[in-house]
């Protein structure tokens, strides 16, 4: 889920590099003092990293800032694009400059198995019994229920698309299509567009013939695809008229709709799952990260978050705190979930690495 980026902390020019001028000697003592103070401040500051954009602004306003105020603990926010390689380097080397990260479910499972994340102490966090199924994991606590759906600008299309088959139909609906530049989601959507029933998608995709079928379907659309990597991009592209329709995180498109855009979502055959909070192995702020997770999981705080961006809450007691008019935009609303495909985390955990490698090679051609 993704956006306009701030620089990663470890990518910034280091403030303690010694000047090359002749004044370096005179400045050395003062520079050393400044660096030591900076190191103390950095050690006291927990870094929370999410996917940026409207989603992270909602997280910041509903969770991060109130937690920092209530706890009196400094907190720094960062943004990233889900780069597991970077997290692996941190965990393997012990040079950890992030603490709590928002992570996708397959990456959480693989990372937990590889020892990249701390095991959560649910007795310390509490409230696991209030969460929806699968929200409380060994190494992660669900952030929210998300959905990836087909979206379009109802103000610009005379005829509304109703399915992924329509998404693939560039004769009836000419123009560019926005798709995320990863195998996950796209292979499912390709099979749905090719007529596979929702309940059979992962059965078909688990076979070599099913994988071939999905890539063959993507081949048909490839000349018309505009790849997005940041979650804010598809919304921006729709607004600018750069794409006719796009896959998009439903919370992003709902937020844009609430701002006055005539964007619409096709809920049938949308795909839903959960993102998770995970603590990177070697974090110096494990206790504080547990406290933030507990704060995030409280129903009142989740209700505040959902009011800011319509992603599904994971605390079941949140729904009684929401206006029924809002729940219709949530992927976990019964009428939306009944028509949606739940992402098979086990499938992507087992096959994701190979399929992503194949997808990257295919996309590069």
Protein backbone atom coordinates (compact mmCIF):
# COMPACT_ATOMS: atom_id res chain seq x y z
CA UNK A 1 0.00 0.00 0.00
CA UNK A 2 2.26 3.08 -1.02
CA UNK A 3 2.89 6.75 -1.81
CA UNK A 4 5.19 9.74 -1.86
CA UNK A 5 8.27 8.78 0.07
CA UNK A 6 10.47 10.29 2.75
CA UNK A 7 14.08 9.13 2.68
CA UNK A 8 14.85 5.99 4.67
CA UNK A 9 16.78 6.89 7.79
CA UNK A 10 19.84 4.85 6.85
CA UNK A 11 19.94 6.44 3.38
CA UNK A 12 20.35 9.97 4.64
CA UNK A 13 23.74 11.69 4.52
CA UNK A 14 25.35 10.89 7.84
CA UNK A 15 25.52 14.08 9.96
CA UNK A 16 28.74 12.93 11.61
CA UNK A 17 30.96 12.69 8.52
CA UNK A 18 34.12 14.74 9.07
CA UNK A 19 34.44 17.88 6.87
CA UNK A 20 37.21 17.72 4.30
CA UNK A 21 38.20 21.36 4.72
CA UNK A 22 41.15 22.66 6.75
CA UNK A 23 38.71 23.58 9.54
CA UNK A 24 38.05 19.92 10.30
CA UNK A 25 40.43 19.83 13.25
CA UNK A 26 38.86 22.81 14.97
CA UNK A 27 35.35 21.43 14.44
CA UNK A 28 36.16 17.88 15.54
CA UNK A 29 35.45 18.27 19.24
CA UNK A 30 32.14 20.03 18.69
CA UNK A 31 31.18 17.53 16.02
CA UNK A 32 31.92 14.59 18.30
CA UNK A 33 29.70 16.11 21.00
CA UNK A 34 26.89 16.69 18.51
CA UNK A 35 27.19 13.11 17.28
CA UNK A 36 27.10 11.69 20.80
CA UNK A 37 23.96 13.67 21.60
CA UNK A 38 22.43 12.62 18.29
CA UNK A 39 23.18 8.98 19.08
CA UNK A 40 21.47 9.25 22.46
CA UNK A 41 18.43 10.85 20.84
CA UNK A 42 18.32 8.17 18.12
CA UNK A 43 18.59 5.41 20.72
CA UNK A 44 15.59 6.87 22.58
CA UNK A 45 13.42 7.22 19.47
CA UNK A 46 11.34 4.30 18.22
CA UNK A 47 11.00 4.21 14.43
CA UNK A 48 7.65 3.03 13.03
CA UNK A 49 7.55 2.31 9.29
CA UNK A 50 4.47 2.00 7.11
CA UNK A 51 3.44 2.29 3.47
CA UNK A 52 2.94 6.05 3.47
CA UNK A 53 0.29 8.17 1.77
CA UNK A 54 -3.28 8.51 3.03
CA UNK A 55 -3.02 5.19 4.86
CA UNK A 56 -0.04 6.26 6.91
CA UNK A 57 -1.51 9.69 7.63
CA UNK A 58 -4.53 7.93 9.15
CA UNK A 59 -2.23 5.66 11.16
CA UNK A 60 -0.26 8.66 12.33
CA UNK A 61 -3.29 10.71 13.39
CA UNK A 62 -5.21 7.85 15.00
CA UNK A 63 -2.36 5.88 16.59
CA UNK A 64 1.19 7.22 16.40
CA UNK A 65 0.73 10.81 17.53
CA UNK A 66 -1.79 10.00 20.31
CA UNK A 67 0.49 7.21 21.58
CA UNK A 68 3.51 9.50 21.62
CA UNK A 69 1.50 12.11 23.52
CA UNK A 70 0.05 9.64 26.02
CA UNK A 71 3.31 7.81 26.65
CA UNK A 72 5.65 10.77 26.43
CA UNK A 73 7.88 8.55 24.27
CA UNK A 74 9.49 9.97 21.10
CA UNK A 75 8.43 8.32 17.86
CA UNK A 76 9.77 8.75 14.34
CA UNK A 77 7.82 7.69 11.25
CA UNK A 78 9.28 6.25 8.07
CA UNK A 79 7.86 4.96 4.78
CA UNK A 80 8.84 2.06 2.56
CA UNK A 81 7.58 -0.17 -0.21
CA UNK A 82 7.74 -3.56 1.49
CA UNK A 83 11.43 -4.23 0.84
CA UNK A 84 12.05 -7.45 2.78
CA UNK A 85 15.69 -7.51 1.68
CA UNK A 86 16.33 -4.37 3.69
CA UNK A 87 14.66 -5.85 6.78
CA UNK A 88 16.68 -9.06 6.38
CA UNK A 89 19.94 -7.09 6.33
CA UNK A 90 18.94 -5.29 9.53
CA UNK A 91 18.02 -8.49 11.35
CA UNK A 92 21.07 -10.43 10.11
CA UNK A 93 23.60 -7.71 10.90
CA UNK A 94 22.03 -6.36 14.08
CA UNK A 95 22.18 -2.86 12.60
CA UNK A 96 18.49 -2.14 13.15
CA UNK A 97 17.36 1.41 12.37
CA UNK A 98 13.66 0.53 12.14
CA UNK A 99 11.66 -0.96 15.02
CA UNK A 100 8.02 -1.62 14.17
CA UNK A 101 7.05 -2.20 10.52
CA UNK A 102 3.79 -2.74 8.67
CA UNK A 103 4.18 -5.98 6.74
CA UNK A 104 2.11 -8.08 4.33
CA UNK A 105 0.94 -11.47 5.59
CA UNK A 106 3.09 -13.78 3.39
CA UNK A 107 6.17 -11.72 4.21
CA UNK A 108 5.29 -11.92 7.91
CA UNK A 109 5.06 -15.72 7.83
CA UNK A 110 8.31 -16.14 5.91
CA UNK A 111 10.10 -13.55 8.01
CA UNK A 112 8.93 -15.16 11.24
CA UNK A 113 10.22 -18.55 10.08
CA UNK A 114 13.56 -16.98 9.11
CA UNK A 115 13.95 -15.23 12.47
CA UNK A 116 13.66 -11.69 11.09
CA UNK A 117 11.00 -10.66 13.60
CA UNK A 118 10.57 -10.78 17.36
CA UNK A 119 8.02 -13.24 18.78
CA UNK A 120 5.17 -11.20 20.27
CA UNK A 121 4.21 -11.57 23.91
CA UNK A 122 0.42 -11.60 23.72
CA UNK A 123 0.08 -11.66 27.51
CA UNK A 124 1.93 -8.36 27.53
CA UNK A 125 -0.22 -6.94 24.69
CA UNK A 126 -3.57 -8.34 25.86
CA UNK A 127 -6.93 -8.24 24.10
CA UNK A 128 -6.27 -11.02 21.58
CA UNK A 129 -9.75 -12.44 22.28
CA UNK A 130 -11.33 -9.24 20.91
CA UNK A 131 -9.58 -9.53 17.55
CA UNK A 132 -10.94 -11.16 14.41
CA UNK A 133 -9.67 -14.59 13.38
CA UNK A 134 -6.00 -14.71 12.32
CA UNK A 135 -5.30 -11.17 13.57
CA UNK A 136 -3.06 -12.34 16.44
CA UNK A 137 -0.01 -14.13 15.03
CA UNK A 138 3.22 -15.40 16.55
CA UNK A 139 5.25 -12.54 15.10
CA UNK A 140 2.55 -10.07 14.11
CA UNK A 141 -0.57 -8.22 15.10
CA UNK A 142 -3.00 -7.29 12.31
CA UNK A 143 -3.07 -3.63 11.34
CA UNK A 144 -6.41 -3.74 9.51
CA UNK A 145 -8.38 -5.66 6.91
CA UNK A 146 -7.55 -4.39 3.44
CA UNK A 147 -9.03 -5.09 0.05
CA UNK A 148 -7.66 -4.78 -3.46
CA UNK A 149 -10.48 -4.07 -5.86
CA UNK A 150 -11.24 -2.80 -9.33
CA UNK A 151 -11.85 0.96 -9.30
CA UNK A 152 -12.84 3.51 -11.93
CA UNK A 153 -13.97 7.11 -12.25
CA UNK A 154 -17.76 7.01 -12.60
CA UNK A 155 -17.68 10.58 -13.87
CA UNK A 156 -15.65 9.59 -16.91
CA UNK A 157 -17.13 6.22 -17.96
CA UNK A 158 -20.54 6.03 -19.62
CA UNK A 159 -20.69 2.30 -18.82
CA UNK A 160 -19.58 0.90 -15.49
CA UNK A 161 -17.27 -2.15 -15.46
CA UNK A 162 -18.62 -5.00 -13.36
CA UNK A 163 -15.83 -7.60 -13.32
CA UNK A 164 -12.19 -8.40 -14.00
CA UNK A 165 -13.34 -9.66 -17.40
CA UNK A 166 -14.40 -6.06 -18.12
CA UNK A 167 -11.01 -4.89 -16.84
CA UNK A 168 -9.37 -7.05 -19.53
CA UNK A 169 -11.81 -5.86 -22.23
CA UNK A 170 -9.88 -3.02 -23.88
CA UNK A 171 -12.32 -2.91 -26.82
CA UNK A 172 -15.33 -1.91 -24.73
CA UNK A 173 -13.24 0.05 -22.25
CA UNK A 174 -10.21 1.47 -24.08
CA UNK A 175 -7.31 2.97 -22.19
CA UNK A 176 -4.52 2.09 -19.79
CA UNK A 177 -5.00 -0.27 -16.83
CA UNK A 178 -3.28 0.20 -13.51
CA UNK A 179 -1.91 -2.93 -11.83
CA UNK A 180 0.50 -3.37 -8.95
CA UNK A 181 3.94 -4.55 -10.09
CA UNK A 182 3.90 -7.87 -8.26
CA UNK A 183 2.63 -11.38 -8.91
CA UNK A 184 0.40 -11.38 -5.83
CA UNK A 185 -3.12 -10.12 -6.67
CA UNK A 186 -2.45 -10.07 -10.42
CA UNK A 187 -2.36 -13.83 -10.90
CA UNK A 188 -5.66 -14.16 -9.02
CA UNK A 189 -7.26 -11.37 -11.03
CA UNK A 190 -6.03 -12.88 -14.30
CA UNK A 191 -7.69 -16.20 -13.52
CA UNK A 192 -10.92 -14.48 -12.45
CA UNK A 193 -10.86 -12.55 -15.73
CA UNK A 194 -10.38 -15.84 -17.55
CA UNK A 195 -13.54 -17.29 -16.04
CA UNK A 196 -12.23 -19.24 -13.03
CA UNK A 197 -14.73 -19.27 -10.17
CA UNK A 198 -13.76 -17.43 -7.03
CA UNK A 199 -13.72 -20.58 -4.91
CA UNK A 200 -11.46 -22.38 -7.42
CA UNK A 201 -8.81 -19.68 -7.96
CA UNK A 202 -6.16 -21.10 -5.62
CA UNK A 203 -6.86 -24.69 -6.65
CA UNK A 204 -6.13 -23.71 -10.26
CA UNK A 205 -3.17 -21.50 -9.35
CA UNK A 206 -1.59 -24.34 -7.38
CA UNK A 207 -1.06 -26.28 -10.63
CA UNK A 208 1.59 -25.60 -13.31
CA UNK A 209 -1.18 -25.35 -15.89
CA UNK A 210 -2.95 -22.77 -13.74
CA UNK A 211 0.16 -20.62 -13.48
CA UNK A 212 0.63 -20.81 -17.25
CA UNK A 213 -3.01 -19.83 -17.70
CA UNK A 214 -2.63 -16.78 -15.45
CA UNK A 215 0.50 -15.53 -17.22
CA UNK A 216 -1.10 -16.12 -20.62
CA UNK A 217 -4.01 -13.96 -19.55
CA UNK A 218 -1.63 -11.25 -18.33
CA UNK A 219 0.11 -11.42 -21.72
CA UNK A 220 -3.15 -10.27 -23.34
CA UNK A 221 -3.27 -7.12 -21.22
CA UNK A 222 0.45 -6.36 -20.91
CA UNK A 223 0.61 -3.66 -23.64
CA UNK A 224 -2.10 -1.72 -21.80
CA UNK A 225 -0.72 -1.97 -18.27
CA UNK A 226 0.68 0.94 -16.29
CA UNK A 227 2.44 -0.55 -13.27
CA UNK A 228 2.03 0.99 -9.85
CA UNK A 229 4.33 0.41 -6.91
CA UNK A 230 3.14 3.06 -4.46
CA UNK A 231 -0.41 2.74 -3.14
CA UNK A 232 -1.17 6.41 -3.81
CA UNK A 233 -0.39 6.08 -7.52
CA UNK A 234 -3.59 4.41 -8.81
CA UNK A 235 -5.75 7.06 -7.15
CA UNK A 236 -3.61 9.81 -8.63
CA UNK A 237 -3.72 8.19 -12.06
CA UNK A 238 -7.51 7.89 -12.00
CA UNK A 239 -7.84 11.54 -11.01
CA UNK A 240 -5.49 12.59 -13.82
CA UNK A 241 -7.18 10.36 -16.40
CA UNK A 242 -3.96 8.42 -16.96
CA UNK A 243 -5.77 5.08 -16.58
CA UNK A 244 -9.32 4.04 -17.41
CA UNK A 245 -9.49 1.68 -14.46
CA UNK A 246 -7.08 0.23 -11.94
CA UNK A 247 -6.60 -2.21 -9.13
CA UNK A 248 -6.40 -0.23 -5.91
CA UNK A 249 -6.49 -0.57 -2.15
CA UNK A 250 -10.13 0.03 -1.27
CA UNK A 251 -9.33 2.33 1.64
CA UNK A 252 -7.41 4.65 -0.65
CA UNK A 253 -10.23 4.89 -3.18
CA UNK A 254 -12.87 5.31 -0.47
CA UNK A 255 -10.92 8.17 1.08
CA UNK A 256 -10.65 9.83 -2.34
CA UNK A 257 -14.40 9.36 -2.84
CA UNK A 258 -15.09 11.04 0.49
CA UNK A 259 -13.00 13.99 -0.70
CA UNK A 260 -15.45 14.54 -3.56
CA UNK A 261 -14.11 12.37 -6.39
CA UNK A 262 -16.63 10.27 -8.32
CA UNK A 263 -14.60 7.11 -7.90
CA UNK A 264 -16.36 3.77 -7.57
CA UNK A 265 -15.33 0.27 -6.49
CA UNK A 266 -16.40 -3.08 -7.95
CA UNK A 267 -16.69 -5.27 -4.84
CA UNK A 268 -17.43 -8.65 -6.52
CA UNK A 269 -14.16 -10.64 -6.78
CA UNK A 270 -12.17 -8.11 -4.82
CA UNK A 271 -9.38 -9.72 -2.81
CA UNK A 272 -8.92 -9.13 0.91
CA UNK A 273 -6.40 -9.89 3.60
CA UNK A 274 -4.58 -8.28 6.50
CA UNK A 275 -1.37 -6.38 7.01
CA UNK A 276 0.49 -6.85 10.29
CA UNK A 277 2.71 -4.99 12.71
CA UNK A 278 5.99 -6.78 13.25
CA UNK A 279 8.99 -5.90 15.43
CA UNK A 280 12.32 -6.32 13.63
CA UNK A 281 14.66 -8.73 15.37
CA UNK A 282 17.26 -6.78 17.32
CA UNK A 283 15.07 -3.72 17.90
CA UNK A 284 16.09 -1.72 20.96
CA UNK A 285 12.47 -0.77 21.59
CA UNK A 286 10.70 -4.12 21.94
CA UNK A 287 8.82 -3.13 25.09
CA UNK A 288 7.69 0.19 23.64
CA UNK A 289 6.63 -1.52 20.41
CA UNK A 290 4.47 -3.95 22.41
CA UNK A 291 2.85 -0.97 24.11
CA UNK A 292 2.11 0.69 20.76
CA UNK A 293 0.55 -2.52 19.40
CA UNK A 294 -1.70 -2.73 22.47
CA UNK A 295 -2.68 0.92 21.94
CA UNK A 296 -3.47 0.31 18.27
CA UNK A 297 -5.66 -2.70 19.07
CA UNK A 298 -8.06 -0.80 21.34
CA UNK A 299 -11.56 -0.51 19.84
CA UNK A 300 -11.88 3.24 20.41
CA UNK A 301 -8.57 3.91 18.68
CA UNK A 302 -9.48 1.62 15.79
CA UNK A 303 -12.79 3.43 15.36
CA UNK A 304 -10.87 6.71 15.10
CA UNK A 305 -8.62 5.15 12.45
CA UNK A 306 -11.50 3.75 10.36
CA UNK A 307 -13.23 7.13 10.38
CA UNK A 308 -10.10 8.60 8.84
CA UNK A 309 -9.65 5.91 6.15
CA UNK A 310 -12.14 3.11 5.48
CA UNK A 311 -10.10 -0.01 6.06
CA UNK A 312 -11.65 -2.83 8.07
CA UNK A 313 -10.97 -2.83 11.82
CA UNK A 314 -9.53 -5.96 13.47
CA UNK A 315 -11.07 -5.40 16.90
CA UNK A 316 -14.61 -6.79 16.63
CA UNK A 317 -15.91 -4.30 19.18
CA UNK A 318 -15.09 -1.45 16.81
CA UNK A 319 -18.15 -1.91 14.61
CA UNK A 320 -20.56 -0.86 17.37
CA UNK A 321 -18.70 2.45 17.51
CA UNK A 322 -19.15 3.22 13.78
CA UNK A 323 -21.89 4.87 11.74
CA UNK A 324 -23.65 2.20 9.61
CA UNK A 325 -23.17 4.45 6.57
CA UNK A 326 -19.42 4.07 6.96
CA UNK A 327 -19.38 0.30 7.33
CA UNK A 328 -20.57 -0.09 3.72
CA UNK A 329 -17.12 1.09 2.58
CA UNK A 330 -15.30 -1.46 4.70
CA UNK A 331 -13.94 -4.65 3.12
CA UNK A 332 -15.00 -6.57 6.23
CA UNK A 333 -18.64 -5.46 5.87
CA UNK A 334 -20.74 -8.63 5.37
CA UNK A 335 -22.13 -7.59 1.96
CA UNK A 336 -18.62 -6.87 0.66
CA UNK A 337 -16.83 -9.83 2.20
CA UNK A 338 -19.46 -12.25 0.89
CA UNK A 339 -18.46 -11.37 -2.70
CA UNK A 340 -14.71 -11.26 -2.11
CA UNK A 341 -11.79 -13.67 -2.39
CA UNK A 342 -9.74 -14.12 0.80
CA UNK A 343 -6.04 -14.15 0.01
CA UNK A 344 -4.54 -17.58 0.65
CA UNK A 345 -1.56 -16.66 2.81
CA UNK A 346 -0.30 -20.24 2.95
CA UNK A 347 -0.25 -20.42 -0.85
CA UNK A 348 1.77 -17.24 -1.16
CA UNK A 349 4.08 -18.28 1.66
CA UNK A 350 4.83 -21.56 -0.12
CA UNK A 351 4.95 -20.29 -3.70
CA UNK A 352 5.40 -16.53 -3.49
CA UNK A 353 9.15 -16.34 -3.93
CA UNK A 354 9.17 -18.44 -7.10
CA UNK A 355 6.13 -16.72 -8.57
CA UNK A 356 7.49 -13.24 -7.83
CA UNK A 357 10.78 -14.14 -9.52
CA UNK A 358 8.94 -15.41 -12.56
CA UNK A 359 6.71 -12.34 -12.58
CA UNK A 360 9.68 -9.96 -12.40
CA UNK A 361 11.34 -11.72 -15.32
CA UNK A 362 8.06 -11.61 -17.28
CA UNK A 363 7.45 -7.93 -16.53
CA UNK A 364 11.01 -7.02 -17.61
CA UNK A 365 10.56 -8.50 -21.09
